[in-house]
Amino acid sequence: MADLAATRALGSELAVWLLELEPPRPLLLLKGELGAGKTSLVQGLAAALGIEEPVTSPSFALAQHYSGRREGRISHLVHLDLYRLEQAASADELFAQEEEEAQSLGALLAVEWPERLSQPPALAWTVELFHGGEGRHALITPADSLG
């Protein structure tokens, strides 16, 4: 991906793919160094969901909830950032709360820094973002190939 716009476009495409799946939809585990484009990808997810408010990294708030309209229906996104949680128990607790909330809303759930969890969630797509050569690259692993 050449730039942030391409990373956002990938996020939009991912949202469309995920919304075509029957619930429960897989969540997204976003991996990558600081500045790799994780929040930019979430901005693309939000755009595809019709979310108009600015999407920023929830590093200090830990979690952000967004609502929008897509194809005349209300859509939801939960954006979780576990970077500041150094204890797996704290990350696991917050994740469990936000996953339950996302499921009750029918929301897409995007988790930055999932490495902080004691174990990865069962139904998740992993998106690894990294720099290399001419820009950013993404490696996407769908849920059914993680086993």
N, C-alpha and C. Protein backbone atom coordinates (compact mmCIF):
# COMPACT_ATOMS: atom_id res chain seq x y z
N MET A 1 0.85 -1.16 0.00
CA MET A 1 0.00 0.00 0.00
C MET A 1 0.90 1.23 0.00
N ALA A 2 0.64 2.10 -0.89
CA ALA A 2 1.52 3.24 -1.07
C ALA A 2 1.43 4.28 0.03
N ASP A 3 0.25 4.46 0.63
CA ASP A 3 0.08 5.55 1.58
C ASP A 3 -1.09 5.27 2.53
N LEU A 4 -1.39 6.26 3.38
CA LEU A 4 -2.49 6.11 4.33
C LEU A 4 -3.83 5.92 3.64
N ALA A 5 -4.02 6.57 2.51
CA ALA A 5 -5.29 6.43 1.78
C ALA A 5 -5.49 4.98 1.34
N ALA A 6 -4.43 4.32 0.92
CA ALA A 6 -4.53 2.91 0.53
C ALA A 6 -4.83 2.03 1.73
N THR A 7 -4.26 2.37 2.88
CA THR A 7 -4.54 1.62 4.11
C THR A 7 -6.00 1.78 4.50
N ARG A 8 -6.51 3.01 4.40
CA ARG A 8 -7.93 3.24 4.69
C ARG A 8 -8.82 2.48 3.71
N ALA A 9 -8.43 2.45 2.43
CA ALA A 9 -9.21 1.73 1.42
C ALA A 9 -9.26 0.24 1.75
N LEU A 10 -8.16 -0.32 2.23
CA LEU A 10 -8.15 -1.72 2.66
C LEU A 10 -9.14 -1.92 3.81
N GLY A 11 -9.16 -1.00 4.76
CA GLY A 11 -10.11 -1.08 5.86
C GLY A 11 -11.54 -1.07 5.37
N SER A 12 -11.84 -0.23 4.39
CA SER A 12 -13.19 -0.19 3.82
C SER A 12 -13.56 -1.52 3.16
N GLU A 13 -12.62 -2.10 2.42
CA GLU A 13 -12.87 -3.38 1.77
C GLU A 13 -13.10 -4.48 2.81
N LEU A 14 -12.30 -4.47 3.87
CA LEU A 14 -12.48 -5.46 4.93
C LEU A 14 -13.87 -5.35 5.56
N ALA A 15 -14.32 -4.13 5.81
CA ALA A 15 -15.64 -3.93 6.40
C ALA A 15 -16.72 -4.53 5.51
N VAL A 16 -16.63 -4.30 4.22
CA VAL A 16 -17.62 -4.84 3.28
C VAL A 16 -17.61 -6.37 3.32
N TRP A 17 -16.42 -6.97 3.31
CA TRP A 17 -16.33 -8.44 3.38
C TRP A 17 -16.94 -8.97 4.67
N LEU A 18 -16.59 -8.34 5.78
CA LEU A 18 -17.08 -8.82 7.08
C LEU A 18 -18.59 -8.68 7.21
N LEU A 19 -19.14 -7.59 6.67
CA LEU A 19 -20.58 -7.37 6.76
C LEU A 19 -21.37 -8.38 5.93
N GLU A 20 -20.73 -9.00 4.95
CA GLU A 20 -21.40 -10.01 4.13
C GLU A 20 -21.50 -11.35 4.85
N LEU A 21 -20.72 -11.53 5.93
CA LEU A 21 -20.74 -12.78 6.67
C LEU A 21 -21.92 -12.82 7.64
N GLU A 22 -22.42 -13.99 7.89
CA GLU A 22 -23.50 -14.16 8.85
C GLU A 22 -22.97 -13.96 10.27
N PRO A 23 -23.76 -13.36 11.16
CA PRO A 23 -23.34 -13.23 12.56
C PRO A 23 -23.21 -14.62 13.20
N PRO A 24 -22.37 -14.79 14.18
CA PRO A 24 -21.46 -13.75 14.68
C PRO A 24 -20.31 -13.53 13.70
N ARG A 25 -20.04 -12.27 13.45
CA ARG A 25 -18.96 -11.93 12.53
C ARG A 25 -17.62 -12.00 13.26
N PRO A 26 -16.56 -12.36 12.53
CA PRO A 26 -15.26 -12.38 13.19
C PRO A 26 -14.82 -10.96 13.55
N LEU A 27 -14.02 -10.86 14.57
CA LEU A 27 -13.45 -9.57 14.91
C LEU A 27 -12.11 -9.45 14.23
N LEU A 28 -11.55 -8.25 14.23
CA LEU A 28 -10.27 -8.00 13.59
C LEU A 28 -9.20 -7.77 14.65
N LEU A 29 -8.13 -8.54 14.58
CA LEU A 29 -6.97 -8.34 15.43
C LEU A 29 -5.93 -7.62 14.58
N LEU A 30 -5.58 -6.41 14.98
CA LEU A 30 -4.67 -5.58 14.20
C LEU A 30 -3.30 -5.57 14.83
N LYS A 31 -2.32 -6.08 14.09
CA LYS A 31 -0.95 -6.17 14.59
C LYS A 31 -0.05 -5.28 13.75
N GLY A 32 0.98 -4.74 14.39
CA GLY A 32 1.96 -3.92 13.69
C GLY A 32 2.63 -2.98 14.64
N GLU A 33 3.80 -2.52 14.25
CA GLU A 33 4.55 -1.57 15.08
C GLU A 33 3.78 -0.26 15.20
N LEU A 34 4.23 0.58 16.13
CA LEU A 34 3.68 1.94 16.21
C LEU A 34 3.85 2.60 14.85
N GLY A 35 2.80 3.23 14.36
CA GLY A 35 2.87 3.92 13.08
C GLY A 35 2.69 3.02 11.86
N ALA A 36 2.35 1.76 12.06
CA ALA A 36 2.19 0.84 10.93
C ALA A 36 0.90 1.09 10.15
N GLY A 37 -0.08 1.78 10.75
CA GLY A 37 -1.32 2.09 10.04
C GLY A 37 -2.55 1.42 10.61
N LYS A 38 -2.47 0.91 11.83
CA LYS A 38 -3.62 0.22 12.43
C LYS A 38 -4.83 1.14 12.55
N THR A 39 -4.62 2.34 13.08
CA THR A 39 -5.74 3.28 13.23
C THR A 39 -6.24 3.75 11.87
N SER A 40 -5.36 3.91 10.90
CA SER A 40 -5.79 4.28 9.55
C SER A 40 -6.70 3.21 8.96
N LEU A 41 -6.37 1.95 9.21
CA LEU A 41 -7.22 0.86 8.73
C LEU A 41 -8.60 0.93 9.39
N VAL A 42 -8.63 1.24 10.68
CA VAL A 42 -9.91 1.38 11.39
C VAL A 42 -10.70 2.57 10.84
N GLN A 43 -10.02 3.62 10.43
CA GLN A 43 -10.70 4.75 9.80
C GLN A 43 -11.41 4.31 8.52
N GLY A 44 -10.79 3.40 7.79
CA GLY A 44 -11.43 2.85 6.59
C GLY A 44 -12.64 2.00 6.93
N LEU A 45 -12.53 1.20 7.99
CA LEU A 45 -13.69 0.43 8.46
C LEU A 45 -14.85 1.37 8.75
N ALA A 46 -14.54 2.43 9.50
CA ALA A 46 -15.57 3.39 9.90
C ALA A 46 -16.22 4.05 8.69
N ALA A 47 -15.41 4.42 7.71
CA ALA A 47 -15.96 5.07 6.51
C ALA A 47 -16.96 4.14 5.81
N ALA A 48 -16.61 2.86 5.71
CA ALA A 48 -17.51 1.90 5.06
C ALA A 48 -18.80 1.69 5.85
N LEU A 49 -18.75 1.94 7.15
CA LEU A 49 -19.93 1.80 8.00
C LEU A 49 -20.76 3.07 8.06
N GLY A 50 -20.33 4.11 7.34
CA GLY A 50 -21.07 5.37 7.34
C GLY A 50 -20.86 6.19 8.60
N ILE A 51 -19.78 5.94 9.30
CA ILE A 51 -19.46 6.69 10.52
C ILE A 51 -18.79 7.99 10.10
N GLU A 52 -19.36 9.10 10.55
CA GLU A 52 -18.86 10.41 10.13
C GLU A 52 -17.95 11.07 11.14
N GLU A 53 -18.03 10.68 12.41
CA GLU A 53 -17.18 11.34 13.41
C GLU A 53 -15.73 10.88 13.22
N PRO A 54 -14.78 11.74 13.59
CA PRO A 54 -13.37 11.39 13.43
C PRO A 54 -13.00 10.16 14.26
N VAL A 55 -12.25 9.26 13.66
CA VAL A 55 -11.77 8.06 14.34
C VAL A 55 -10.30 8.28 14.69
N THR A 56 -10.00 8.22 15.98
CA THR A 56 -8.63 8.39 16.44
C THR A 56 -8.23 7.18 17.26
N SER A 57 -6.94 7.06 17.52
CA SER A 57 -6.45 5.94 18.32
C SER A 57 -6.99 6.06 19.74
N PRO A 58 -7.56 4.98 20.26
CA PRO A 58 -8.08 5.03 21.63
C PRO A 58 -7.03 4.66 22.67
N SER A 59 -5.77 5.02 22.43
CA SER A 59 -4.68 4.63 23.33
C SER A 59 -4.93 5.02 24.78
N PHE A 60 -5.46 6.21 25.01
CA PHE A 60 -5.67 6.65 26.38
C PHE A 60 -7.06 6.29 26.89
N ALA A 61 -8.06 6.31 26.02
CA ALA A 61 -9.41 5.93 26.41
C ALA A 61 -9.56 4.40 26.44
N LEU A 62 -8.68 3.71 25.77
CA LEU A 62 -8.65 2.25 25.62
C LEU A 62 -9.71 1.71 24.67
N ALA A 63 -10.90 2.30 24.66
CA ALA A 63 -11.96 1.83 23.77
C ALA A 63 -12.80 3.01 23.29
N GLN A 64 -13.20 2.95 22.04
CA GLN A 64 -14.09 3.94 21.46
C GLN A 64 -15.24 3.21 20.77
N HIS A 65 -16.43 3.76 20.90
CA HIS A 65 -17.62 3.21 20.25
C HIS A 65 -18.12 4.24 19.24
N TYR A 66 -18.43 3.77 18.04
CA TYR A 66 -18.90 4.65 16.98
C TYR A 66 -20.18 4.09 16.38
N SER A 67 -21.05 4.99 15.94
CA SER A 67 -22.28 4.60 15.25
C SER A 67 -22.39 5.39 13.96
N GLY A 68 -22.95 4.75 12.96
CA GLY A 68 -23.15 5.41 11.68
C GLY A 68 -24.35 4.80 10.98
N ARG A 69 -24.50 5.14 9.69
CA ARG A 69 -25.59 4.59 8.88
C ARG A 69 -24.98 4.04 7.60
N ARG A 70 -25.33 2.79 7.32
CA ARG A 70 -24.88 2.15 6.08
C ARG A 70 -26.10 1.52 5.43
N GLU A 71 -26.35 1.91 4.19
CA GLU A 71 -27.49 1.39 3.43
C GLU A 71 -28.79 1.51 4.22
N GLY A 72 -28.96 2.67 4.88
CA GLY A 72 -30.19 2.96 5.59
C GLY A 72 -30.32 2.29 6.95
N ARG A 73 -29.30 1.57 7.37
CA ARG A 73 -29.37 0.87 8.66
C ARG A 73 -28.28 1.41 9.59
N ILE A 74 -28.55 1.37 10.87
CA ILE A 74 -27.56 1.80 11.85
C ILE A 74 -26.44 0.77 11.90
N SER A 75 -25.22 1.25 11.93
CA SER A 75 -24.06 0.37 12.02
C SER A 75 -23.20 0.80 13.21
N HIS A 76 -22.46 -0.14 13.75
CA HIS A 76 -21.65 0.13 14.93
C HIS A 76 -20.23 -0.41 14.75
N LEU A 77 -19.30 0.28 15.38
CA LEU A 77 -17.90 -0.13 15.39
C LEU A 77 -17.36 0.07 16.80
N VAL A 78 -16.68 -0.93 17.33
CA VAL A 78 -15.99 -0.82 18.60
C VAL A 78 -14.50 -0.94 18.29
N HIS A 79 -13.74 0.06 18.72
CA HIS A 79 -12.29 0.14 18.46
C HIS A 79 -11.57 0.06 19.80
N LEU A 80 -10.79 -0.97 19.97
CA LEU A 80 -10.13 -1.26 21.24
C LEU A 80 -8.62 -1.20 21.04
N ASP A 81 -7.90 -0.55 21.95
CA ASP A 81 -6.44 -0.46 21.88
C ASP A 81 -5.88 -0.94 23.22
N LEU A 82 -5.20 -2.08 23.19
CA LEU A 82 -4.68 -2.70 24.41
C LEU A 82 -3.23 -2.33 24.70
N TYR A 83 -2.66 -1.40 23.96
CA TYR A 83 -1.24 -1.08 24.07
C TYR A 83 -0.80 -0.76 25.49
N ARG A 84 -1.56 0.04 26.20
CA ARG A 84 -1.15 0.48 27.54
C ARG A 84 -1.41 -0.55 28.64
N LEU A 85 -2.07 -1.63 28.32
CA LEU A 85 -2.37 -2.66 29.32
C LEU A 85 -1.27 -3.72 29.30
N GLU A 86 -0.36 -3.63 30.26
CA GLU A 86 0.78 -4.55 30.28
C GLU A 86 0.45 -5.90 30.90
N GLN A 87 -0.58 -5.96 31.73
CA GLN A 87 -0.98 -7.22 32.37
C GLN A 87 -2.05 -7.90 31.51
N ALA A 88 -1.81 -9.16 31.18
CA ALA A 88 -2.76 -9.90 30.35
C ALA A 88 -4.14 -9.96 31.00
N ALA A 89 -4.19 -10.07 32.32
CA ALA A 89 -5.49 -10.15 33.00
C ALA A 89 -6.31 -8.88 32.76
N SER A 90 -5.66 -7.73 32.78
CA SER A 90 -6.37 -6.46 32.52
C SER A 90 -6.85 -6.40 31.08
N ALA A 91 -5.98 -6.81 30.16
CA ALA A 91 -6.36 -6.81 28.74
C ALA A 91 -7.51 -7.78 28.50
N ASP A 92 -7.43 -8.97 29.10
CA ASP A 92 -8.49 -9.96 28.94
C ASP A 92 -9.83 -9.45 29.46
N GLU A 93 -9.80 -8.78 30.61
CA GLU A 93 -11.03 -8.27 31.21
C GLU A 93 -11.68 -7.20 30.33
N LEU A 94 -10.86 -6.24 29.88
CA LEU A 94 -11.40 -5.19 29.02
C LEU A 94 -11.91 -5.78 27.71
N PHE A 95 -11.14 -6.69 27.13
CA PHE A 95 -11.56 -7.32 25.88
C PHE A 95 -12.91 -8.03 26.05
N ALA A 96 -13.07 -8.79 27.13
CA ALA A 96 -14.33 -9.51 27.36
C ALA A 96 -15.51 -8.56 27.45
N GLN A 97 -15.32 -7.43 28.14
CA GLN A 97 -16.40 -6.44 28.26
C GLN A 97 -16.75 -5.86 26.90
N GLU A 98 -15.74 -5.48 26.14
CA GLU A 98 -15.98 -4.83 24.84
C GLU A 98 -16.50 -5.82 23.81
N GLU A 99 -16.05 -7.07 23.87
CA GLU A 99 -16.56 -8.08 22.95
C GLU A 99 -18.05 -8.32 23.20
N GLU A 100 -18.43 -8.39 24.46
CA GLU A 100 -19.84 -8.58 24.81
C GLU A 100 -20.68 -7.40 24.30
N GLU A 101 -20.17 -6.19 24.50
CA GLU A 101 -20.87 -4.99 24.03
C GLU A 101 -20.99 -5.01 22.51
N ALA A 102 -19.90 -5.34 21.82
CA ALA A 102 -19.92 -5.39 20.36
C ALA A 102 -20.93 -6.42 19.86
N GLN A 103 -20.97 -7.57 20.49
CA GLN A 103 -21.92 -8.60 20.08
C GLN A 103 -23.36 -8.16 20.29
N SER A 104 -23.62 -7.48 21.41
CA SER A 104 -24.99 -7.03 21.68
C SER A 104 -25.44 -5.97 20.68
N LEU A 105 -24.49 -5.19 20.17
CA LEU A 105 -24.81 -4.14 19.19
C LEU A 105 -24.77 -4.66 17.75
N GLY A 106 -24.22 -5.84 17.54
CA GLY A 106 -23.97 -6.31 16.18
C GLY A 106 -22.86 -5.52 15.52
N ALA A 107 -21.92 -5.04 16.34
CA ALA A 107 -20.85 -4.16 15.88
C ALA A 107 -19.66 -4.95 15.35
N LEU A 108 -18.92 -4.32 14.43
CA LEU A 108 -17.59 -4.81 14.10
C LEU A 108 -16.68 -4.43 15.25
N LEU A 109 -15.77 -5.31 15.62
CA LEU A 109 -14.82 -5.06 16.70
C LEU A 109 -13.42 -5.14 16.14
N ALA A 110 -12.66 -4.06 16.29
CA ALA A 110 -11.26 -4.01 15.85
C ALA A 110 -10.39 -3.82 17.08
N VAL A 111 -9.39 -4.70 17.23
CA VAL A 111 -8.54 -4.70 18.42
C VAL A 111 -7.09 -4.45 18.01
N GLU A 112 -6.56 -3.31 18.46
CA GLU A 112 -5.13 -3.03 18.27
C GLU A 112 -4.35 -3.64 19.43
N TRP A 113 -3.17 -4.13 19.14
CA TRP A 113 -2.27 -4.74 20.12
C TRP A 113 -2.89 -5.97 20.79
N PRO A 114 -3.42 -6.92 20.01
CA PRO A 114 -4.01 -8.13 20.59
C PRO A 114 -2.97 -9.02 21.27
N GLU A 115 -1.70 -8.74 21.04
CA GLU A 115 -0.64 -9.51 21.70
C GLU A 115 -0.71 -9.39 23.22
N ARG A 116 -1.40 -8.38 23.71
CA ARG A 116 -1.54 -8.18 25.16
C ARG A 116 -2.50 -9.19 25.79
N LEU A 117 -3.33 -9.85 24.98
CA LEU A 117 -4.27 -10.84 25.50
C LEU A 117 -3.53 -12.13 25.87
N SER A 118 -4.05 -12.85 26.85
CA SER A 118 -3.41 -14.10 27.25
C SER A 118 -3.52 -15.17 26.16
N GLN A 119 -4.60 -15.11 25.38
CA GLN A 119 -4.74 -16.00 24.23
C GLN A 119 -5.62 -15.32 23.19
N PRO A 120 -5.38 -15.60 21.91
CA PRO A 120 -6.18 -14.94 20.88
C PRO A 120 -7.61 -15.45 20.87
N PRO A 121 -8.56 -14.59 20.55
CA PRO A 121 -9.96 -15.01 20.45
C PRO A 121 -10.13 -16.04 19.33
N ALA A 122 -11.13 -16.89 19.48
CA ALA A 122 -11.34 -17.98 18.53
C ALA A 122 -11.77 -17.49 17.15
N LEU A 123 -12.74 -16.60 17.10
CA LEU A 123 -13.31 -16.16 15.82
C LEU A 123 -12.75 -14.79 15.48
N ALA A 124 -11.57 -14.80 14.86
CA ALA A 124 -10.91 -13.52 14.57
C ALA A 124 -10.13 -13.60 13.27
N TRP A 125 -10.13 -12.50 12.55
CA TRP A 125 -9.23 -12.34 11.42
C TRP A 125 -8.05 -11.53 11.94
N THR A 126 -6.86 -11.91 11.54
CA THR A 126 -5.66 -11.18 11.92
C THR A 126 -5.18 -10.37 10.73
N VAL A 127 -4.91 -9.08 10.97
CA VAL A 127 -4.35 -8.21 9.95
C VAL A 127 -3.02 -7.71 10.48
N GLU A 128 -1.94 -8.13 9.84
CA GLU A 128 -0.60 -7.68 10.23
C GLU A 128 -0.17 -6.61 9.24
N LEU A 129 0.14 -5.43 9.76
CA LEU A 129 0.59 -4.30 8.94
C LEU A 129 2.07 -4.08 9.21
N PHE A 130 2.82 -3.87 8.14
CA PHE A 130 4.26 -3.63 8.32
C PHE A 130 4.80 -2.81 7.16
N HIS A 131 5.92 -2.14 7.42
CA HIS A 131 6.60 -1.34 6.40
C HIS A 131 7.59 -2.24 5.68
N GLY A 132 7.76 -1.99 4.41
CA GLY A 132 8.75 -2.74 3.65
C GLY A 132 8.80 -2.24 2.23
N GLY A 133 10.00 -2.02 1.73
CA GLY A 133 10.15 -1.58 0.35
C GLY A 133 9.43 -0.28 0.08
N GLU A 134 8.44 -0.34 -0.78
CA GLU A 134 7.71 0.84 -1.23
C GLU A 134 6.42 1.06 -0.47
N GLY A 135 6.48 1.19 0.83
CA GLY A 135 5.27 1.51 1.60
C GLY A 135 4.90 0.44 2.60
N ARG A 136 3.60 0.38 2.88
CA ARG A 136 3.07 -0.57 3.87
C ARG A 136 2.61 -1.84 3.17
N HIS A 137 2.60 -2.90 3.96
CA HIS A 137 2.09 -4.18 3.46
C HIS A 137 1.12 -4.73 4.50
N ALA A 138 0.20 -5.55 4.05
CA ALA A 138 -0.77 -6.17 4.96
C ALA A 138 -0.83 -7.66 4.68
N LEU A 139 -0.82 -8.42 5.75
CA LEU A 139 -1.01 -9.87 5.67
C LEU A 139 -2.30 -10.16 6.43
N ILE A 140 -3.31 -10.67 5.72
CA ILE A 140 -4.62 -10.93 6.31
C ILE A 140 -4.81 -12.44 6.44
N THR A 141 -5.12 -12.87 7.66
CA THR A 141 -5.37 -14.29 7.92
C THR A 141 -6.81 -14.44 8.40
N PRO A 142 -7.68 -15.03 7.57
CA PRO A 142 -9.08 -15.22 7.97
C PRO A 142 -9.20 -16.19 9.15
N ALA A 143 -10.30 -16.11 9.83
CA ALA A 143 -10.54 -16.88 11.06
C ALA A 143 -10.39 -18.39 10.85
N ASP A 144 -10.92 -18.92 9.76
CA ASP A 144 -10.92 -20.37 9.60
C ASP A 144 -9.55 -20.95 9.30
N SER A 145 -8.54 -20.11 9.07
CA SER A 145 -7.20 -20.64 8.81
C SER A 145 -6.26 -20.41 9.98
N LEU A 146 -6.79 -19.98 11.13
CA LEU A 146 -5.94 -19.73 12.29
C LEU A 146 -5.69 -20.98 13.11
N GLY A 147 -6.56 -21.99 13.00
CA GLY A 147 -6.49 -23.16 13.84
C GLY A 147 -5.22 -23.89 13.70
